[in-house]
Amino acid sequence: MKAGIFFTGTGPILILTAYEALDNPRLIEKLLAKGIKKFIAYEVSEEKVKEKYGMKYKVILGDLRQTDDLRVLDYDGHHVFYNFSFEDLGDPIFYES
């Protein structure tokens, strides 16, 4: 399971995915289908996400199935941005279609 903060045109969102990488072509296809055509993504520790989101994380993770391998955990950009330190972020992944 991967967790990532995606900075999009409407602000940051926190995503959980079953894909092994945040730049996986299938994940990008799903993001494109949701209208996300350009982003900067940073992987964040799954442990840090569990710590910050608690029960909400467990509920969202429990709803993640093999056929539905992408979940938005938090789409409140202000909350996502201030919930994590820059030190929590992995290397940036840039994507533009």
PDB file of N, CA and C in Angstrom:
ATOM      1  N   MET A   1       0.841  -1.176   0.000  1.00  0.00           N
ATOM      2  CA  MET A   1       0.000   0.000   0.000  1.00  0.00           C
ATOM      3  C   MET A   1       0.886   1.239   0.000  1.00  0.00           C
ATOM      4  N   LYS A   2       0.560   2.184  -0.853  1.00  0.00           N
ATOM      5  CA  LYS A   2       1.289   3.450  -0.926  1.00  0.00           C
ATOM      6  C   LYS A   2       0.348   4.590  -0.570  1.00  0.00           C
ATOM      7  N   ALA A   3       0.910   5.597   0.038  1.00  0.00           N
ATOM      8  CA  ALA A   3       0.182   6.830   0.313  1.00  0.00           C
ATOM      9  C   ALA A   3       0.956   7.958  -0.343  1.00  0.00           C
ATOM     10  N   GLY A   4       0.227   8.877  -0.926  1.00  0.00           N
ATOM     11  CA  GLY A   4       0.888   9.988  -1.582  1.00  0.00           C
ATOM     12  C   GLY A   4       0.077  11.262  -1.509  1.00  0.00           C
ATOM     13  N   ILE A   5       0.792  12.372  -1.422  1.00  0.00           N
ATOM     14  CA  ILE A   5       0.169  13.683  -1.520  1.00  0.00           C
ATOM     15  C   ILE A   5       0.371  14.148  -2.953  1.00  0.00           C
ATOM     16  N   PHE A   6      -0.741  14.449  -3.616  1.00  0.00           N
ATOM     17  CA  PHE A   6      -0.722  14.901  -4.998  1.00  0.00           C
ATOM     18  C   PHE A   6      -1.127  16.369  -5.025  1.00  0.00           C
ATOM     19  N   PHE A   7      -0.203  17.219  -5.463  1.00  0.00           N
ATOM     20  CA  PHE A   7      -0.495  18.638  -5.624  1.00  0.00           C
ATOM     21  C   PHE A   7      -1.049  18.817  -7.030  1.00  0.00           C
ATOM     22  N   THR A   8      -2.329  19.170  -7.096  1.00  0.00           N
ATOM     23  CA  THR A   8      -3.034  19.295  -8.370  1.00  0.00           C
ATOM     24  C   THR A   8      -3.455  20.747  -8.563  1.00  0.00           C
ATOM     25  N   GLY A   9      -4.154  21.008  -9.651  1.00  0.00           N
ATOM     26  CA  GLY A   9      -4.619  22.360  -9.935  1.00  0.00           C
ATOM     27  C   GLY A   9      -5.571  22.910  -8.896  1.00  0.00           C
ATOM     28  N   THR A  10      -6.251  22.042  -8.170  1.00  0.00           N
ATOM     29  CA  THR A  10      -7.201  22.496  -7.152  1.00  0.00           C
ATOM     30  C   THR A  10      -6.639  22.398  -5.738  1.00  0.00           C
ATOM     31  N   GLY A  11      -5.372  22.016  -5.620  1.00  0.00           N
ATOM     32  CA  GLY A  11      -4.749  21.896  -4.307  1.00  0.00           C
ATOM     33  C   GLY A  11      -4.351  20.463  -4.012  1.00  0.00           C
ATOM     34  N   PRO A  12      -3.732  20.231  -2.865  1.00  0.00           N
ATOM     35  CA  PRO A  12      -3.256  18.888  -2.536  1.00  0.00           C
ATOM     36  C   PRO A  12      -4.379  17.949  -2.105  1.00  0.00           C
ATOM     37  N   ILE A  13      -4.219  16.673  -2.478  1.00  0.00           N
ATOM     38  CA  ILE A  13      -5.101  15.600  -2.024  1.00  0.00           C
ATOM     39  C   ILE A  13      -4.221  14.457  -1.533  1.00  0.00           C
ATOM     40  N   LEU A  14      -4.736  13.691  -0.601  1.00  0.00           N
ATOM     41  CA  LEU A  14      -4.015  12.540  -0.058  1.00  0.00           C
ATOM     42  C   LEU A  14      -4.669  11.279  -0.600  1.00  0.00           C
ATOM     43  N   ILE A  15      -3.873  10.453  -1.269  1.00  0.00           N
ATOM     44  CA  ILE A  15      -4.379   9.257  -1.941  1.00  0.00           C
ATOM     45  C   ILE A  15      -3.740   8.012  -1.352  1.00  0.00           C
ATOM     46  N   LEU A  16      -4.537   6.959  -1.220  1.00  0.00           N
ATOM     47  CA  LEU A  16      -4.048   5.612  -0.914  1.00  0.00           C
ATOM     48  C   LEU A  16      -4.198   4.785  -2.176  1.00  0.00           C
ATOM     49  N   THR A  17      -3.199   3.978  -2.480  1.00  0.00           N
ATOM     50  CA  THR A  17      -3.267   3.148  -3.672  1.00  0.00           C
ATOM     51  C   THR A  17      -2.603   1.803  -3.444  1.00  0.00           C
ATOM     52  N   ALA A  18      -3.094   0.806  -4.156  1.00  0.00           N
ATOM     53  CA  ALA A  18      -2.504  -0.528  -4.109  1.00  0.00           C
ATOM     54  C   ALA A  18      -1.344  -0.645  -5.094  1.00  0.00           C
ATOM     55  N   TYR A  19      -1.175   0.335  -5.969  1.00  0.00           N
ATOM     56  CA  TYR A  19      -0.061   0.301  -6.916  1.00  0.00           C
ATOM     57  C   TYR A  19       1.258   0.482  -6.174  1.00  0.00           C
ATOM     58  N   GLU A  20       2.315  -0.088  -6.741  1.00  0.00           N
ATOM     59  CA  GLU A  20       3.617  -0.067  -6.073  1.00  0.00           C
ATOM     60  C   GLU A  20       4.356   1.254  -6.214  1.00  0.00           C
ATOM     61  N   ALA A  21       3.906   2.098  -7.135  1.00  0.00           N
ATOM     62  CA  ALA A  21       4.579   3.377  -7.353  1.00  0.00           C
ATOM     63  C   ALA A  21       3.546   4.446  -7.688  1.00  0.00           C
ATOM     64  N   LEU A  22       3.818   5.665  -7.289  1.00  0.00           N
ATOM     65  CA  LEU A  22       2.888   6.761  -7.544  1.00  0.00           C
ATOM     66  C   LEU A  22       2.902   7.213  -8.995  1.00  0.00           C
ATOM     67  N   ASP A  23       3.871   6.731  -9.770  1.00  0.00           N
ATOM     68  CA  ASP A  23       3.894   7.053 -11.198  1.00  0.00           C
ATOM     69  C   ASP A  23       3.546   5.839 -12.063  1.00  0.00           C
ATOM     70  N   ASN A  24       2.881   4.855 -11.469  1.00  0.00           N
ATOM     71  CA  ASN A  24       2.442   3.677 -12.208  1.00  0.00           C
ATOM     72  C   ASN A  24       1.483   4.121 -13.318  1.00  0.00           C
ATOM     73  N   PRO A  25       1.690   3.647 -14.549  1.00  0.00           N
ATOM     74  CA  PRO A  25       0.826   4.065 -15.665  1.00  0.00           C
ATOM     75  C   PRO A  25      -0.668   3.810 -15.421  1.00  0.00           C
ATOM     76  N   ARG A  26      -1.011   2.732 -14.756  1.00  0.00           N
ATOM     77  CA  ARG A  26      -2.434   2.458 -14.480  1.00  0.00           C
ATOM     78  C   ARG A  26      -3.011   3.461 -13.479  1.00  0.00           C
ATOM     79  N   LEU A  27      -2.210   3.830 -12.497  1.00  0.00           N
ATOM     80  CA  LEU A  27      -2.651   4.848 -11.542  1.00  0.00           C
ATOM     81  C   LEU A  27      -2.848   6.176 -12.266  1.00  0.00           C
ATOM     82  N   ILE A  28      -1.915   6.523 -13.128  1.00  0.00           N
ATOM     83  CA  ILE A  28      -2.027   7.773 -13.884  1.00  0.00           C
ATOM     84  C   ILE A  28      -3.275   7.754 -14.760  1.00  0.00           C
ATOM     85  N   GLU A  29      -3.597   6.607 -15.366  1.00  0.00           N
ATOM     86  CA  GLU A  29      -4.826   6.491 -16.159  1.00  0.00           C
ATOM     87  C   GLU A  29      -6.052   6.802 -15.302  1.00  0.00           C
ATOM     88  N   LYS A  30      -6.071   6.290 -14.086  1.00  0.00           N
ATOM     89  CA  LYS A  30      -7.206   6.534 -13.184  1.00  0.00           C
ATOM     90  C   LYS A  30      -7.289   8.008 -12.793  1.00  0.00           C
ATOM     91  N   LEU A  31      -6.142   8.622 -12.564  1.00  0.00           N
ATOM     92  CA  LEU A  31      -6.131  10.048 -12.237  1.00  0.00           C
ATOM     93  C   LEU A  31      -6.614  10.876 -13.428  1.00  0.00           C
ATOM     94  N   LEU A  32      -6.169  10.505 -14.626  1.00  0.00           N
ATOM     95  CA  LEU A  32      -6.624  11.202 -15.831  1.00  0.00           C
ATOM     96  C   LEU A  32      -8.137  11.093 -15.976  1.00  0.00           C
ATOM     97  N   ALA A  33      -8.684   9.912 -15.685  1.00  0.00           N
ATOM     98  CA  ALA A  33     -10.134   9.703 -15.764  1.00  0.00           C
ATOM     99  C   ALA A  33     -10.881  10.591 -14.767  1.00  0.00           C
ATOM    100  N   LYS A  34     -10.204  10.974 -13.689  1.00  0.00           N
ATOM    101  CA  LYS A  34     -10.810  11.856 -12.683  1.00  0.00           C
ATOM    102  C   LYS A  34     -10.541  13.331 -12.993  1.00  0.00           C
ATOM    103  N   GLY A  35      -9.900  13.599 -14.139  1.00  0.00           N
ATOM    104  CA  GLY A  35      -9.636  14.975 -14.541  1.00  0.00           C
ATOM    105  C   GLY A  35      -8.327  15.539 -14.038  1.00  0.00           C
ATOM    106  N   ILE A  36      -7.492  14.706 -13.435  1.00  0.00           N
ATOM    107  CA  ILE A  36      -6.188  15.163 -12.933  1.00  0.00           C
ATOM    108  C   ILE A  36      -5.157  14.900 -14.024  1.00  0.00           C
ATOM    109  N   LYS A  37      -4.771  15.969 -14.735  1.00  0.00           N
ATOM    110  CA  LYS A  37      -3.894  15.846 -15.898  1.00  0.00           C
ATOM    111  C   LYS A  37      -2.475  16.337 -15.630  1.00  0.00           C
ATOM    112  N   LYS A  38      -2.292  16.938 -14.479  1.00  0.00           N
ATOM    113  CA  LYS A  38      -0.978  17.496 -14.142  1.00  0.00           C
ATOM    114  C   LYS A  38      -0.859  17.477 -12.628  1.00  0.00           C
ATOM    115  N   PHE A  39       0.281  16.992 -12.131  1.00  0.00           N
ATOM    116  CA  PHE A  39       0.454  16.947 -10.681  1.00  0.00           C
ATOM    117  C   PHE A  39       1.917  16.829 -10.309  1.00  0.00           C
ATOM    118  N   ILE A  40       2.171  17.141  -9.061  1.00  0.00           N
ATOM    119  CA  ILE A  40       3.439  16.825  -8.409  1.00  0.00           C
ATOM    120  C   ILE A  40       3.048  15.947  -7.228  1.00  0.00           C
ATOM    121  N   ALA A  41       3.603  14.741  -7.168  1.00  0.00           N
ATOM    122  CA  ALA A  41       3.240  13.787  -6.113  1.00  0.00           C
ATOM    123  C   ALA A  41       4.446  13.505  -5.228  1.00  0.00           C
ATOM    124  N   TYR A  42       4.161  13.305  -3.960  1.00  0.00           N
ATOM    125  CA  TYR A  42       5.180  12.939  -2.984  1.00  0.00           C
ATOM    126  C   TYR A  42       4.666  11.745  -2.197  1.00  0.00           C
ATOM    127  N   GLU A  43       5.473  10.710  -2.107  1.00  0.00           N
ATOM    128  CA  GLU A  43       5.096   9.587  -1.257  1.00  0.00           C
ATOM    129  C   GLU A  43       5.254  10.007   0.201  1.00  0.00           C
ATOM    130  N   VAL A  44       4.318   9.558   1.030  1.00  0.00           N
ATOM    131  CA  VAL A  44       4.407   9.768   2.470  1.00  0.00           C
ATOM    132  C   VAL A  44       4.295   8.409   3.148  1.00  0.00           C
ATOM    133  N   SER A  45       4.884   8.298   4.296  1.00  0.00           N
ATOM    134  CA  SER A  45       4.901   7.044   5.040  1.00  0.00           C
ATOM    135  C   SER A  45       3.487   6.602   5.392  1.00  0.00           C
ATOM    136  N   GLU A  46       3.199   5.343   5.124  1.00  0.00           N
ATOM    137  CA  GLU A  46       1.899   4.789   5.493  1.00  0.00           C
ATOM    138  C   GLU A  46       1.702   4.880   7.007  1.00  0.00           C
ATOM    139  N   GLU A  47       2.760   4.684   7.763  1.00  0.00           N
ATOM    140  CA  GLU A  47       2.676   4.790   9.225  1.00  0.00           C
ATOM    141  C   GLU A  47       2.279   6.204   9.656  1.00  0.00           C
ATOM    142  N   LYS A  48       2.855   7.199   9.000  1.00  0.00           N
ATOM    143  CA  LYS A  48       2.532   8.594   9.324  1.00  0.00           C
ATOM    144  C   LYS A  48       1.065   8.882   9.004  1.00  0.00           C
ATOM    145  N   VAL A  49       0.577   8.333   7.892  1.00  0.00           N
ATOM    146  CA  VAL A  49      -0.830   8.524   7.512  1.00  0.00           C
ATOM    147  C   VAL A  49      -1.744   7.849   8.537  1.00  0.00           C
ATOM    148  N   LYS A  50      -1.396   6.625   8.947  1.00  0.00           N
ATOM    149  CA  LYS A  50      -2.184   5.920   9.972  1.00  0.00           C
ATOM    150  C   LYS A  50      -2.246   6.744  11.253  1.00  0.00           C
ATOM    151  N   GLU A  51      -1.097   7.288  11.646  1.00  0.00           N
ATOM    152  CA  GLU A  51      -0.999   8.085  12.875  1.00  0.00           C
ATOM    153  C   GLU A  51      -1.889   9.332  12.796  1.00  0.00           C
ATOM    154  N   LYS A  52      -1.895   9.991  11.653  1.00  0.00           N
ATOM    155  CA  LYS A  52      -2.618  11.256  11.519  1.00  0.00           C
ATOM    156  C   LYS A  52      -4.113  11.070  11.270  1.00  0.00           C
ATOM    157  N   TYR A  53      -4.495   9.967  10.618  1.00  0.00           N
ATOM    158  CA  TYR A  53      -5.889   9.810  10.200  1.00  0.00           C
ATOM    159  C   TYR A  53      -6.657   8.739  10.967  1.00  0.00           C
ATOM    160  N   GLY A  54      -5.963   7.886  11.712  1.00  0.00           N
ATOM    161  CA  GLY A  54      -6.605   6.926  12.599  1.00  0.00           C
ATOM    162  C   GLY A  54      -7.724   6.118  11.979  1.00  0.00           C
ATOM    163  N   MET A  55      -8.925   6.241  12.532  1.00  0.00           N
ATOM    164  CA  MET A  55     -10.070   5.440  12.105  1.00  0.00           C
ATOM    165  C   MET A  55     -10.453   5.714  10.652  1.00  0.00           C
ATOM    166  N   LYS A  56     -10.343   6.956  10.206  1.00  0.00           N
ATOM    167  CA  LYS A  56     -10.667   7.275   8.807  1.00  0.00           C
ATOM    168  C   LYS A  56      -9.775   6.466   7.870  1.00  0.00           C
ATOM    169  N   TYR A  57      -8.492   6.330   8.220  1.00  0.00           N
ATOM    170  CA  TYR A  57      -7.564   5.527   7.428  1.00  0.00           C
ATOM    171  C   TYR A  57      -8.049   4.080   7.372  1.00  0.00           C
ATOM    172  N   LYS A  58      -8.421   3.523   8.518  1.00  0.00           N
ATOM    173  CA  LYS A  58      -8.862   2.125   8.575  1.00  0.00           C
ATOM    174  C   LYS A  58     -10.124   1.903   7.751  1.00  0.00           C
ATOM    175  N   VAL A  59     -11.051   2.831   7.820  1.00  0.00           N
ATOM    176  CA  VAL A  59     -12.298   2.711   7.055  1.00  0.00           C
ATOM    177  C   VAL A  59     -12.012   2.752   5.557  1.00  0.00           C
ATOM    178  N   ILE A  60     -11.211   3.712   5.129  1.00  0.00           N
ATOM    179  CA  ILE A  60     -10.882   3.839   3.703  1.00  0.00           C
ATOM    180  C   ILE A  60     -10.092   2.626   3.235  1.00  0.00           C
ATOM    181  N   LEU A  61      -9.122   2.181   4.028  1.00  0.00           N
ATOM    182  CA  LEU A  61      -8.312   1.024   3.654  1.00  0.00           C
ATOM    183  C   LEU A  61      -9.171  -0.231   3.572  1.00  0.00           C
ATOM    184  N   GLY A  62     -10.110  -0.383   4.480  1.00  0.00           N
ATOM    185  CA  GLY A  62     -10.990  -1.544   4.465  1.00  0.00           C
ATOM    186  C   GLY A  62     -11.878  -1.588   3.244  1.00  0.00           C
ATOM    187  N   ASP A  63     -12.068  -0.442   2.605  1.00  0.00           N
ATOM    188  CA  ASP A  63     -12.919  -0.353   1.424  1.00  0.00           C
ATOM    189  C   ASP A  63     -12.114  -0.469   0.129  1.00  0.00           C
ATOM    190  N   LEU A  64     -10.807  -0.614   0.250  1.00  0.00           N
ATOM    191  CA  LEU A  64      -9.925  -0.692  -0.915  1.00  0.00           C
ATOM    192  C   LEU A  64      -9.870  -2.134  -1.398  1.00  0.00           C
ATOM    193  N   ARG A  65     -10.355  -2.384  -2.598  1.00  0.00           N
ATOM    194  CA  ARG A  65     -10.392  -3.734  -3.158  1.00  0.00           C
ATOM    195  C   ARG A  65      -9.454  -3.824  -4.346  1.00  0.00           C
ATOM    196  N   GLN A  66      -9.203  -5.063  -4.785  1.00  0.00           N
ATOM    197  CA  GLN A  66      -8.316  -5.250  -5.934  1.00  0.00           C
ATOM    198  C   GLN A  66      -8.834  -4.522  -7.165  1.00  0.00           C
ATOM    199  N   THR A  67     -10.144  -4.513  -7.363  1.00  0.00           N
ATOM    200  CA  THR A  67     -10.701  -3.862  -8.546  1.00  0.00           C
ATOM    201  C   THR A  67     -10.852  -2.359  -8.359  1.00  0.00           C
ATOM    202  N   ASP A  68     -10.669  -1.890  -7.156  1.00  0.00           N
ATOM    203  CA  ASP A  68     -10.800  -0.470  -6.850  1.00  0.00           C
ATOM    204  C   ASP A  68      -9.564  -0.066  -6.062  1.00  0.00           C
ATOM    205  N   ASP A  69      -8.467   0.183  -6.765  1.00  0.00           N
ATOM    206  CA  ASP A  69      -7.155   0.306  -6.142  1.00  0.00           C
ATOM    207  C   ASP A  69      -6.695   1.745  -5.926  1.00  0.00           C
ATOM    208  N   LEU A  70      -7.636   2.656  -5.828  1.00  0.00           N
ATOM    209  CA  LEU A  70      -7.308   4.055  -5.598  1.00  0.00           C
ATOM    210  C   LEU A  70      -8.384   4.662  -4.702  1.00  0.00           C
ATOM    211  N   ARG A  71      -7.960   5.270  -3.617  1.00  0.00           N
ATOM    212  CA  ARG A  71      -8.888   5.938  -2.707  1.00  0.00           C
ATOM    213  C   ARG A  71      -8.326   7.300  -2.324  1.00  0.00           C
ATOM    214  N   VAL A  72      -9.179   8.303  -2.363  1.00  0.00           N
ATOM    215  CA  VAL A  72      -8.801   9.623  -1.868  1.00  0.00           C
ATOM    216  C   VAL A  72      -9.134   9.642  -0.380  1.00  0.00           C
ATOM    217  N   LEU A  73      -8.112   9.757   0.435  1.00  0.00           N
ATOM    218  CA  LEU A  73      -8.289   9.767   1.892  1.00  0.00           C
ATOM    219  C   LEU A  73      -8.683  11.158   2.389  1.00  0.00           C
ATOM    220  N   ASP A  74      -8.113  12.189   1.763  1.00  0.00           N
ATOM    221  CA  ASP A  74      -8.407  13.559   2.196  1.00  0.00           C
ATOM    222  C   ASP A  74      -8.290  14.486   0.994  1.00  0.00           C
ATOM    223  N   TYR A  75      -9.359  15.217   0.705  1.00  0.00           N
ATOM    224  CA  TYR A  75      -9.340  16.169  -0.406  1.00  0.00           C
ATOM    225  C   TYR A  75      -9.424  17.617   0.082  1.00  0.00           C
ATOM    226  N   ASP A  76      -9.327  17.812   1.389  1.00  0.00           N
ATOM    227  CA  ASP A  76      -9.289  19.155   1.962  1.00  0.00           C
ATOM    228  C   ASP A  76      -7.840  19.634   1.895  1.00  0.00           C
ATOM    229  N   GLY A  77      -7.540  20.399   0.849  1.00  0.00           N
ATOM    230  CA  GLY A  77      -6.164  20.813   0.586  1.00  0.00           C
ATOM    231  C   GLY A  77      -5.474  21.469   1.763  1.00  0.00           C
ATOM    232  N   HIS A  78      -6.170  22.342   2.458  1.00  0.00           N
ATOM    233  CA  HIS A  78      -5.598  23.017   3.624  1.00  0.00           C
ATOM    234  C   HIS A  78      -5.212  21.995   4.685  1.00  0.00           C
ATOM    235  N   HIS A  79      -6.092  21.047   4.943  1.00  0.00           N
ATOM    236  CA  HIS A  79      -5.840  20.012   5.950  1.00  0.00           C
ATOM    237  C   HIS A  79      -4.654  19.137   5.546  1.00  0.00           C
ATOM    238  N   VAL A  80      -4.636  18.704   4.286  1.00  0.00           N
ATOM    239  CA  VAL A  80      -3.538  17.855   3.802  1.00  0.00           C
ATOM    240  C   VAL A  80      -2.213  18.601   3.921  1.00  0.00           C
ATOM    241  N   PHE A  81      -2.180  19.844   3.449  1.00  0.00           N
ATOM    242  CA  PHE A  81      -0.942  20.616   3.419  1.00  0.00           C
ATOM    243  C   PHE A  81      -0.360  20.813   4.812  1.00  0.00           C
ATOM    244  N   TYR A  82      -1.204  21.128   5.785  1.00  0.00           N
ATOM    245  CA  TYR A  82      -0.702  21.415   7.125  1.00  0.00           C
ATOM    246  C   TYR A  82      -0.599  20.182   8.016  1.00  0.00           C
ATOM    247  N   ASN A  83      -1.093  19.049   7.551  1.00  0.00           N
ATOM    248  CA  ASN A  83      -1.028  17.820   8.343  1.00  0.00           C
ATOM    249  C   ASN A  83       0.344  17.147   8.253  1.00  0.00           C
ATOM    250  N   PHE A  84       1.128  17.503   7.234  1.00  0.00           N
ATOM    251  CA  PHE A  84       2.422  16.863   7.016  1.00  0.00           C
ATOM    252  C   PHE A  84       3.519  17.910   6.925  1.00  0.00           C
ATOM    253  N   SER A  85       4.667  17.566   7.468  1.00  0.00           N
ATOM    254  CA  SER A  85       5.857  18.409   7.364  1.00  0.00           C
ATOM    255  C   SER A  85       6.528  18.138   6.018  1.00  0.00           C
ATOM    256  N   PHE A  86       7.281  19.103   5.519  1.00  0.00           N
ATOM    257  CA  PHE A  86       8.056  18.861   4.304  1.00  0.00           C
ATOM    258  C   PHE A  86       9.025  17.699   4.506  1.00  0.00           C
ATOM    259  N   GLU A  87       9.456  17.491   5.735  1.00  0.00           N
ATOM    260  CA  GLU A  87      10.361  16.378   6.037  1.00  0.00           C
ATOM    261  C   GLU A  87       9.685  15.022   5.858  1.00  0.00           C
ATOM    262  N   ASP A  88       8.351  14.995   5.862  1.00  0.00           N
ATOM    263  CA  ASP A  88       7.600  13.747   5.678  1.00  0.00           C
ATOM    264  C   ASP A  88       7.509  13.332   4.215  1.00  0.00           C
ATOM    265  N   LEU A  89       7.837  14.242   3.309  1.00  0.00           N
ATOM    266  CA  LEU A  89       7.633  13.997   1.885  1.00  0.00           C
ATOM    267  C   LEU A  89       8.832  13.304   1.249  1.00  0.00           C
ATOM    268  N   GLY A  90       8.528  12.347   0.370  1.00  0.00           N
ATOM    269  CA  GLY A  90       9.580  11.694  -0.408  1.00  0.00           C
ATOM    270  C   GLY A  90       9.991  12.583  -1.571  1.00  0.00           C
ATOM    271  N   ASP A  91      10.716  11.996  -2.514  1.00  0.00           N
ATOM    272  CA  ASP A  91      11.148  12.731  -3.702  1.00  0.00           C
ATOM    273  C   ASP A  91       9.944  13.068  -4.581  1.00  0.00           C
ATOM    274  N   PRO A  92       9.981  14.225  -5.243  1.00  0.00           N
ATOM    275  CA  PRO A  92       8.837  14.610  -6.071  1.00  0.00           C
ATOM    276  C   PRO A  92       8.746  13.784  -7.356  1.00  0.00           C
ATOM    277  N   ILE A  93       7.517  13.554  -7.771  1.00  0.00           N
ATOM    278  CA  ILE A  93       7.222  12.913  -9.053  1.00  0.00           C
ATOM    279  C   ILE A  93       6.399  13.928  -9.834  1.00  0.00           C
ATOM    280  N   PHE A  94       6.893  14.322 -10.995  1.00  0.00           N
ATOM    281  CA  PHE A  94       6.202  15.310 -11.820  1.00  0.00           C
ATOM    282  C   PHE A  94       5.482  14.593 -12.947  1.00  0.00           C
ATOM    283  N   TYR A  95       4.239  15.002 -13.213  1.00  0.00           N
ATOM    284  CA  TYR A  95       3.503  14.429 -14.341  1.00  0.00           C
ATOM    285  C   TYR A  95       2.690  15.535 -15.007  1.00  0.00           C
ATOM    286  N   GLU A  96       2.708  15.502 -16.336  1.00  0.00           N
ATOM    287  CA  GLU A  96       1.924  16.441 -17.128  1.00  0.00           C
ATOM    288  C   GLU A  96       1.525  15.745 -18.416  1.00  0.00           C
ATOM    289  N   SER A  97       0.226  15.762 -18.725  1.00  0.00           N
ATOM    290  CA  SER A  97      -0.208  15.098 -19.965  1.00  0.00           C
ATOM    291  C   SER A  97      -0.293  16.083 -21.106  1.00  0.00           C
TER     292      SER A  97
END
